């Protein structure tokens, strides 16, 4: 065999070996795709299921706190349908069902008692016709004198119910419960401060309305409250350790902000605060790209809700709402109301739209800026504010950020 023939044979062998190796690699990649991709899909579906279960669980807890048992039951049923062993949903559902059964039994007993009382009243009416006018008046006065007054237990129940409505942002219901406490005892716990907080929030959400002033039991001091700014940042410089996340970005339009964040909680912790009775937090919220707002269904798919929250550790929830940037699809949002209430057009109440420069798909601009401010009772020497979002897609689709954050405290003014 010639030297040339040997070289040609060797080259052919190498070519065939390369072809075989390439075929094996392609087959391996195909097998990996068949195994790994379904697992990734399963993990994403599991994460979506857990996120949905947590949303229904938190709604159930909120409704349970204000004794709306049927609504709480419906939320816990949704949780168990998604995950039968999720947290203590089974126990909470059993508790709620027991309360519903208890109320139904009480209602039945009351109805029977009312029917019996009606029969007795009819007999008493027939007997009373023979009595004199003076006797009838005396009986009426005695009945009025025997009417029960509000007990401490009743006031506490009304007060706690009002606080429960505050925690889920249902301000009108909170005002109703707290006013009942105020009418019975104007000095009960912090009812006056809570009423002021609720009416301020109602006025903020409905700026054209004028809240009814509260007449307090003590004279209003004439001195001006002392307000002091305890924190302020536009994030142009370094982010301090007071923030749990120090992530900064610059928008396409050139604005520096804290973010962008996704489904996570970002906390601001302030310590060694001066003596005060109220605190105020103000900031710009950046809602970036394809936020969907309230939950809706399209065929077999569920879209949203895209939820944003602000709460005080150990204190009230200042905002629990949804935002939408999709005006072109007519997706709606809860803001300026609390979720699940509110059905407003996309970007309702926004101070700026499409000013940050973010594009999405075939939309050249898709973003909004909300200028928010909240005042709430607070007297501790430390304050933790928790900013968070849930239900969002990946950061390349939906994110949020903060800018121009300012916190101030208001000290009680000295008397005249």
Protein backbone atom coordinates (compact mmCIF):
# COMPACT_ATOMS: atom_id res chain seq x y z
CA UNK A 1 0.00 0.00 0.00
CA UNK A 2 1.38 3.35 -1.01
CA UNK A 3 2.09 6.15 1.46
CA UNK A 4 -0.62 8.30 -0.16
CA UNK A 5 -3.24 5.56 0.30
CA UNK A 6 -2.35 5.27 4.00
CA UNK A 7 -2.76 9.04 4.53
CA UNK A 8 -6.15 9.07 2.78
CA UNK A 9 -7.33 6.14 4.92
CA UNK A 10 -6.21 7.83 8.12
CA UNK A 11 -8.04 11.05 7.21
CA UNK A 12 -11.23 9.12 6.46
CA UNK A 13 -11.03 7.40 9.83
CA UNK A 14 -10.62 10.76 11.63
CA UNK A 15 -13.59 12.24 9.76
CA UNK A 16 -15.79 9.30 10.73
CA UNK A 17 -14.66 9.54 14.34
CA UNK A 18 -15.57 13.26 14.41
CA UNK A 19 -18.98 12.51 12.90
CA UNK A 20 -19.63 9.82 15.52
CA UNK A 21 -18.56 12.16 18.37
CA UNK A 22 -20.81 14.95 17.05
CA UNK A 23 -23.75 12.56 16.80
CA UNK A 24 -23.19 11.37 20.38
CA UNK A 25 -23.06 14.99 21.63
CA UNK A 26 -26.27 15.93 19.79
CA UNK A 27 -28.00 12.86 21.24
CA UNK A 28 -26.78 13.77 24.74
CA UNK A 29 -28.04 17.33 24.39
CA UNK A 30 -31.39 16.06 23.16
CA UNK A 31 -31.72 13.69 26.13
CA UNK A 32 -30.71 16.47 28.53
CA UNK A 33 -33.33 18.75 27.00
CA UNK A 34 -36.00 16.10 27.37
CA UNK A 35 -35.10 15.58 31.04
CA UNK A 36 -34.05 19.05 32.25
CA UNK A 37 -36.61 21.25 30.48
CA UNK A 38 -39.67 19.44 31.90
CA UNK A 39 -38.12 19.69 35.36
CA UNK A 40 -37.62 23.44 34.95
CA UNK A 41 -41.23 23.77 33.83
CA UNK A 42 -42.36 21.79 36.85
CA UNK A 43 -40.31 24.01 39.17
CA UNK A 44 -41.80 27.16 37.65
CA UNK A 45 -45.33 25.75 37.95
CA UNK A 46 -44.64 24.79 41.58
CA UNK A 47 -43.35 28.30 42.36
CA UNK A 48 -46.42 29.89 40.75
CA UNK A 49 -48.66 27.56 42.73
CA UNK A 50 -46.98 28.46 46.02
CA UNK A 51 -47.15 32.18 45.22
CA UNK A 52 -50.88 31.87 44.51
CA UNK A 53 -51.38 29.85 47.71
CA UNK A 54 -49.60 32.54 49.77
CA UNK A 55 -51.75 35.29 48.23
CA UNK A 56 -54.98 33.47 49.11
CA UNK A 57 -53.58 32.60 52.56
CA UNK A 58 -52.79 36.24 53.40
CA UNK A 59 -56.22 37.35 52.15
CA UNK A 60 -57.84 34.67 54.33
CA UNK A 61 -55.92 35.85 57.39
CA UNK A 62 -56.94 39.46 56.72
CA UNK A 63 -60.63 38.55 56.36
CA UNK A 64 -60.44 36.35 59.45
CA UNK A 65 -59.00 39.23 61.48
CA UNK A 66 -62.05 41.38 60.73
CA UNK A 67 -64.48 38.46 61.27
CA UNK A 68 -65.64 38.19 57.65
CA UNK A 69 -65.88 34.44 57.97
CA UNK A 70 -67.41 33.53 54.60
CA UNK A 71 -64.76 35.51 52.71
CA UNK A 72 -62.00 33.96 54.85
CA UNK A 73 -63.45 30.49 54.22
CA UNK A 74 -63.39 31.03 50.44
CA UNK A 75 -59.72 32.10 50.55
CA UNK A 76 -58.61 29.14 52.70
CA UNK A 77 -60.49 26.73 50.40
CA UNK A 78 -58.46 28.17 47.52
CA UNK A 79 -55.22 27.64 49.49
CA UNK A 80 -56.06 24.00 50.27
CA UNK A 81 -57.04 23.36 46.65
CA UNK A 82 -53.55 24.51 45.65
CA UNK A 83 -51.69 22.79 48.53
CA UNK A 84 -53.55 20.77 51.16
CA UNK A 85 -50.64 21.03 53.62
CA UNK A 86 -49.89 24.74 53.15
CA UNK A 87 -48.96 26.34 56.50
CA UNK A 88 -51.91 26.14 58.95
CA UNK A 89 -54.62 26.65 56.31
CA UNK A 90 -56.45 23.46 57.36
CA UNK A 91 -56.61 24.55 60.99
CA UNK A 92 -57.69 28.08 60.06
CA UNK A 93 -60.39 26.74 57.75
CA UNK A 94 -61.71 24.53 60.56
CA UNK A 95 -61.73 27.52 62.91
CA UNK A 96 -63.58 29.68 60.38
CA UNK A 97 -66.14 26.95 59.69
CA UNK A 98 -66.71 26.62 63.44
CA UNK A 99 -67.32 30.36 63.71
CA UNK A 100 -69.75 30.24 60.78
CA UNK A 101 -71.62 27.34 62.40
CA UNK A 102 -71.62 29.21 65.71
CA UNK A 103 -73.05 32.34 64.12
CA UNK A 104 -75.69 30.32 62.26
CA UNK A 105 -76.69 28.63 65.51
CA UNK A 106 -76.79 32.00 67.25
CA UNK A 107 -78.89 33.46 64.45
CA UNK A 108 -81.32 30.55 64.73
CA UNK A 109 -81.56 30.98 68.49
CA UNK A 110 -82.08 34.72 68.11
CA UNK A 111 -84.81 34.16 65.52
CA UNK A 112 -86.58 31.72 67.84
CA UNK A 113 -86.20 34.13 70.76
CA UNK A 114 -87.56 36.98 68.66
CA UNK A 115 -90.53 34.89 67.64
CA UNK A 116 -91.22 34.03 71.28
CA UNK A 117 -90.72 37.64 72.28
CA UNK A 118 -93.17 38.73 69.60
CA UNK A 119 -95.83 36.45 71.04
CA UNK A 120 -95.15 37.76 74.54
CA UNK A 121 -95.22 41.34 73.26
CA UNK A 122 -98.57 40.74 71.58
CA UNK A 123 -100.00 39.43 74.82
CA UNK A 124 -98.45 42.32 76.74
CA UNK A 125 -99.93 44.79 74.27
CA UNK A 126 -103.39 43.36 74.79
CA UNK A 127 -102.94 43.62 78.55
CA UNK A 128 -101.45 47.12 78.35
CA UNK A 129 -104.59 48.47 76.71
CA UNK A 130 -106.26 48.25 80.11
CA UNK A 131 -103.51 50.19 81.84
CA UNK A 132 -103.52 53.92 82.34
CA UNK A 133 -101.32 56.32 80.39
CA UNK A 134 -99.18 56.96 83.44
CA UNK A 135 -98.49 53.24 83.92
CA UNK A 136 -97.50 52.85 80.27
CA UNK A 137 -95.11 55.82 80.54
CA UNK A 138 -93.57 54.36 83.70
CA UNK A 139 -93.05 51.03 81.98
CA UNK A 140 -91.37 52.73 79.05
CA UNK A 141 -89.04 54.66 81.35
CA UNK A 142 -88.16 51.50 83.24
CA UNK A 143 -87.40 49.71 79.99
CA UNK A 144 -85.15 52.56 78.85
CA UNK A 145 -83.34 52.59 82.19
CA UNK A 146 -82.70 48.86 81.87
CA UNK A 147 -81.05 49.19 78.44
CA UNK A 148 -77.48 47.86 78.62
CA UNK A 149 -74.52 50.20 78.17
CA UNK A 150 -71.44 49.38 76.18
CA UNK A 151 -69.14 47.09 78.12
CA UNK A 152 -65.38 47.11 78.06
CA UNK A 153 -65.48 43.84 76.10
CA UNK A 154 -67.74 45.40 73.46
CA UNK A 155 -65.50 48.46 73.08
CA UNK A 156 -62.38 46.28 72.75
CA UNK A 157 -64.07 44.10 70.11
CA UNK A 158 -65.10 47.18 68.08
CA UNK A 159 -61.62 48.70 68.50
CA UNK A 160 -59.84 45.55 67.34
CA UNK A 161 -62.20 45.21 64.39
CA UNK A 162 -61.38 48.79 63.38
CA UNK A 163 -57.64 48.00 63.57
CA UNK A 164 -58.24 44.91 61.44
CA UNK A 165 -59.89 47.00 58.72
CA UNK A 166 -56.97 49.46 58.87
CA UNK A 167 -54.51 46.60 58.29
CA UNK A 168 -56.23 45.61 55.04
CA UNK A 169 -56.78 49.19 53.89
CA UNK A 170 -60.58 49.25 54.21
CA UNK A 171 -60.75 52.76 55.58
CA UNK A 172 -64.51 53.41 55.47
CA UNK A 173 -65.29 50.26 57.49
CA UNK A 174 -62.47 51.13 59.91
CA UNK A 175 -63.94 54.60 60.42
CA UNK A 176 -67.39 53.15 61.15
CA UNK A 177 -66.07 50.80 63.86
CA UNK A 178 -63.79 53.38 65.47
CA UNK A 179 -66.54 56.03 65.52
CA UNK A 180 -68.72 53.60 67.49
CA UNK A 181 -65.92 53.31 70.04
CA UNK A 182 -65.41 57.09 70.08
CA UNK A 183 -69.12 57.77 70.68
CA UNK A 184 -69.14 55.38 73.65
CA UNK A 185 -65.80 56.54 75.12
CA UNK A 186 -63.78 59.31 73.42
CA UNK A 187 -60.71 58.50 75.54
CA UNK A 188 -60.63 54.76 74.85
CA UNK A 189 -57.02 53.73 74.04
CA UNK A 190 -55.79 55.48 70.85
CA UNK A 191 -59.20 55.78 69.19
CA UNK A 192 -58.78 59.51 68.50
CA UNK A 193 -55.38 59.05 66.83
CA UNK A 194 -56.64 56.06 64.84
CA UNK A 195 -59.70 58.02 63.66
CA UNK A 196 -57.43 60.86 62.58
CA UNK A 197 -55.24 58.39 60.66
CA UNK A 198 -58.26 56.81 58.94
CA UNK A 199 -59.83 60.14 57.98
CA UNK A 200 -56.50 61.38 56.63
CA UNK A 201 -56.26 58.27 54.44
CA UNK A 202 -59.86 58.68 53.23
CA UNK A 203 -59.13 62.31 52.39
CA UNK A 204 -55.98 61.28 50.49
CA UNK A 205 -57.83 58.70 48.41
CA UNK A 206 -60.81 60.99 47.77
CA UNK A 207 -59.29 64.47 47.66
CA UNK A 208 -62.56 66.22 46.75
CA UNK A 209 -64.26 65.05 49.93
CA UNK A 210 -64.05 66.93 53.23
CA UNK A 211 -63.81 64.64 56.27
CA UNK A 212 -66.04 65.38 59.24
CA UNK A 213 -63.90 66.87 62.02
CA UNK A 214 -63.63 64.94 65.27
CA UNK A 215 -64.62 66.79 68.43
CA UNK A 216 -62.17 65.63 71.09
CA UNK A 217 -62.74 65.56 74.79
CA UNK A 218 -59.77 67.88 75.47
CA UNK A 219 -58.99 71.33 74.06
CA UNK A 220 -56.89 71.38 70.89
CA UNK A 221 -53.43 72.83 71.60
CA UNK A 222 -52.64 76.01 69.77
CA UNK A 223 -48.91 75.27 69.46
CA UNK A 224 -47.63 74.08 66.09
CA UNK A 225 -46.46 70.42 65.99
CA UNK A 226 -42.67 70.10 65.62
CA UNK A 227 -41.72 68.19 62.46
CA UNK A 228 -38.18 66.91 61.94
CA UNK A 229 -36.74 65.12 58.90
CA UNK A 230 -34.83 62.06 60.16
CA UNK A 231 -33.88 60.50 56.79
CA UNK A 232 -33.63 61.65 53.18
CA UNK A 233 -31.95 60.19 50.09
CA UNK A 234 -32.11 60.56 46.31
CA UNK A 235 -29.55 57.69 45.96
CA UNK A 236 -27.11 59.80 43.97
CA UNK A 237 -24.45 58.82 46.52
CA UNK A 238 -23.70 55.57 48.30
CA UNK A 239 -26.57 53.55 49.77
CA UNK A 240 -26.20 53.26 53.56
CA UNK A 241 -26.51 50.22 55.80
CA UNK A 242 -30.01 51.33 56.83
CA UNK A 243 -31.27 49.60 53.65
CA UNK A 244 -31.46 45.80 53.50
CA UNK A 245 -30.61 45.96 49.77
CA UNK A 246 -28.07 48.43 48.39
CA UNK A 247 -28.85 47.76 44.71
CA UNK A 248 -28.81 50.91 42.54
CA UNK A 249 -29.59 51.45 38.87
CA UNK A 250 -29.93 54.25 36.35
CA UNK A 251 -33.01 54.50 34.16
CA UNK A 252 -32.60 54.82 30.37
CA UNK A 253 -33.60 58.48 30.84
CA UNK A 254 -30.70 58.99 33.29
CA UNK A 255 -32.33 58.93 36.76
CA UNK A 256 -30.53 57.10 39.58
CA UNK A 257 -32.79 55.04 41.87
CA UNK A 258 -32.79 52.20 44.40
CA UNK A 259 -33.69 49.02 42.52
CA UNK A 260 -34.77 47.35 40.34
CA UNK A 261 -36.41 44.79 42.53
CA UNK A 262 -38.81 41.91 41.91
CA UNK A 263 -40.72 39.58 44.24
CA UNK A 264 -38.85 40.56 47.39
CA UNK A 265 -38.94 42.75 50.49
CA UNK A 266 -36.62 45.74 50.87
CA UNK A 267 -36.48 47.24 54.38
CA UNK A 268 -35.44 50.68 55.66
CA UNK A 269 -34.40 50.65 59.34
CA UNK A 270 -34.02 53.91 61.27
CA UNK A 271 -32.81 54.01 64.89
CA UNK A 272 -32.32 56.56 67.68
CA UNK A 273 -35.31 58.61 66.59
CA UNK A 274 -36.25 61.69 68.63
CA UNK A 275 -39.40 61.63 70.73
CA UNK A 276 -42.47 61.79 68.50
CA UNK A 277 -46.10 60.70 68.09
CA UNK A 278 -46.45 60.45 64.31
CA UNK A 279 -44.19 59.55 61.38
CA UNK A 280 -44.44 60.35 57.68
CA UNK A 281 -42.77 58.54 54.77
CA UNK A 282 -42.73 60.05 51.28
CA UNK A 283 -41.14 58.60 48.14
CA UNK A 284 -41.35 58.10 44.39
CA UNK A 285 -42.32 54.56 43.35
CA UNK A 286 -41.07 53.43 39.93
CA UNK A 287 -43.38 50.82 38.30
CA UNK A 288 -41.31 49.44 35.45
CA UNK A 289 -42.46 47.65 32.28
CA UNK A 290 -45.26 45.06 31.98
CA UNK A 291 -47.17 45.24 35.29
CA UNK A 292 -50.62 43.62 34.78
CA UNK A 293 -52.60 45.02 37.75
CA UNK A 294 -55.64 43.13 39.02
CA UNK A 295 -56.09 39.42 38.44
CA UNK A 296 -57.89 38.40 35.23
CA UNK A 297 -58.33 35.28 33.16
CA UNK A 298 -57.61 34.91 29.44
CA UNK A 299 -58.73 31.50 28.27
CA UNK A 300 -57.01 28.96 30.51
CA UNK A 301 -54.36 31.44 31.65
CA UNK A 302 -54.49 33.60 34.80
CA UNK A 303 -52.81 37.00 34.60
CA UNK A 304 -51.90 38.96 37.72
CA UNK A 305 -52.39 40.18 40.33
CA UNK A 306 -49.19 42.26 40.43
CA UNK A 307 -49.20 43.41 44.07
CA UNK A 308 -47.13 46.08 45.82
CA UNK A 309 -47.03 46.57 49.62
CA UNK A 310 -45.72 48.96 52.23
CA UNK A 311 -46.01 48.15 55.93
CA UNK A 312 -44.51 49.14 59.26
CA UNK A 313 -42.92 46.33 61.26
CA UNK A 314 -45.15 45.86 64.30
CA UNK A 315 -47.53 48.49 62.92
CA UNK A 316 -50.06 49.15 60.16
CA UNK A 317 -50.06 48.23 56.49
CA UNK A 318 -49.83 51.58 54.70
CA UNK A 319 -50.51 50.29 51.17
CA UNK A 320 -51.59 46.94 49.70
CA UNK A 321 -52.54 47.47 46.07
CA UNK A 322 -51.92 46.56 42.42
CA UNK A 323 -50.50 48.56 39.51
CA UNK A 324 -50.90 48.19 35.74
CA UNK A 325 -49.00 49.79 32.86
CA UNK A 326 -51.15 48.19 30.12
CA UNK A 327 -53.42 50.99 28.88
CA UNK A 328 -53.39 49.47 25.37
CA UNK A 329 -55.01 46.25 26.68
CA UNK A 330 -57.31 48.06 29.15
CA UNK A 331 -55.91 46.11 32.13
CA UNK A 332 -57.12 47.64 35.41
CA UNK A 333 -55.45 48.24 38.79
CA UNK A 334 -56.59 48.66 42.42
CA UNK A 335 -54.60 51.85 43.12
CA UNK A 336 -55.54 54.33 44.51
CA UNK A 337 -57.69 51.81 46.45
CA UNK A 338 -56.45 48.80 48.41
CA UNK A 339 -56.45 45.35 46.78
CA UNK A 340 -58.74 43.42 46.26
CA UNK A 341 -60.96 46.52 46.10
CA UNK A 342 -60.64 49.10 43.36
CA UNK A 343 -61.03 48.76 39.59
CA UNK A 344 -59.29 51.72 37.99
CA UNK A 345 -57.69 52.25 34.56
CA UNK A 346 -54.00 51.46 34.15
CA UNK A 347 -51.69 54.11 35.64
CA UNK A 348 -54.54 55.87 37.49
CA UNK A 349 -53.04 58.42 39.90
CA UNK A 350 -49.55 58.28 38.38
CA UNK A 351 -47.50 61.49 38.60
CA UNK A 352 -45.49 60.53 35.49
CA UNK A 353 -45.97 58.06 32.64
CA UNK A 354 -43.33 56.83 30.16
CA UNK A 355 -40.75 59.23 31.62
CA UNK A 356 -38.14 56.67 32.73
CA UNK A 357 -37.37 55.40 29.21
CA UNK A 358 -38.07 51.67 29.64
CA UNK A 359 -39.18 49.72 26.56
CA UNK A 360 -40.98 46.38 26.46
CA UNK A 361 -41.65 44.27 23.35
CA UNK A 362 -43.06 46.51 20.66
CA UNK A 363 -43.87 49.23 23.20
CA UNK A 364 -41.15 51.90 22.99
CA UNK A 365 -42.03 53.19 26.50
CA UNK A 366 -43.73 51.36 29.37
CA UNK A 367 -43.29 52.75 32.91
CA UNK A 368 -44.96 54.96 35.54
CA UNK A 369 -43.95 56.99 38.60
CA UNK A 370 -46.19 57.40 41.66
CA UNK A 371 -45.49 60.07 44.29
CA UNK A 372 -46.68 58.55 47.57
CA UNK A 373 -46.83 59.82 51.16
CA UNK A 374 -48.21 58.23 54.33
CA UNK A 375 -48.57 59.55 57.89
CA UNK A 376 -49.19 57.10 60.71
CA UNK A 377 -49.08 56.97 64.54
CA UNK A 378 -45.61 56.01 65.79
CA UNK A 379 -43.73 56.72 69.01
CA UNK A 380 -40.94 54.11 69.24
CA UNK A 381 -37.26 55.10 68.99
CA UNK A 382 -36.77 52.83 65.96
CA UNK A 383 -38.76 52.41 62.75
CA UNK A 384 -38.67 49.65 60.13
CA UNK A 385 -40.47 50.21 56.81
CA UNK A 386 -40.94 47.18 54.54
CA UNK A 387 -41.37 47.79 50.79
CA UNK A 388 -42.28 44.66 48.81
CA UNK A 389 -43.92 43.18 45.71
CA UNK A 390 -45.41 39.80 44.81
CA UNK A 391 -46.86 38.07 41.76
CA UNK A 392 -44.34 39.66 39.37
CA UNK A 393 -42.61 37.95 36.46
CA UNK A 394 -38.84 37.98 35.94
CA UNK A 395 -36.94 41.27 36.32
CA UNK A 396 -36.65 41.71 32.56
CA UNK A 397 -40.49 41.89 32.41
CA UNK A 398 -41.64 43.51 35.66
CA UNK A 399 -39.66 45.37 38.34
CA UNK A 400 -39.88 48.34 40.70
CA UNK A 401 -37.69 50.90 42.43
CA UNK A 402 -37.62 53.83 44.86
CA UNK A 403 -36.37 57.40 44.64
CA UNK A 404 -36.46 60.57 46.75
CA UNK A 405 -37.23 58.73 50.00
CA UNK A 406 -37.85 61.01 53.01
CA UNK A 407 -38.94 60.11 56.55
CA UNK A 408 -39.97 62.72 59.11
CA UNK A 409 -41.38 62.53 62.63
CA UNK A 410 -43.81 64.86 64.36
CA UNK A 411 -43.42 65.60 68.05
CA UNK A 412 -46.37 66.44 70.26
CA UNK A 413 -46.54 70.25 70.62
CA UNK A 414 -46.23 71.79 74.04
CA UNK A 415 -49.36 73.37 75.48
CA UNK A 416 -50.04 77.09 75.11
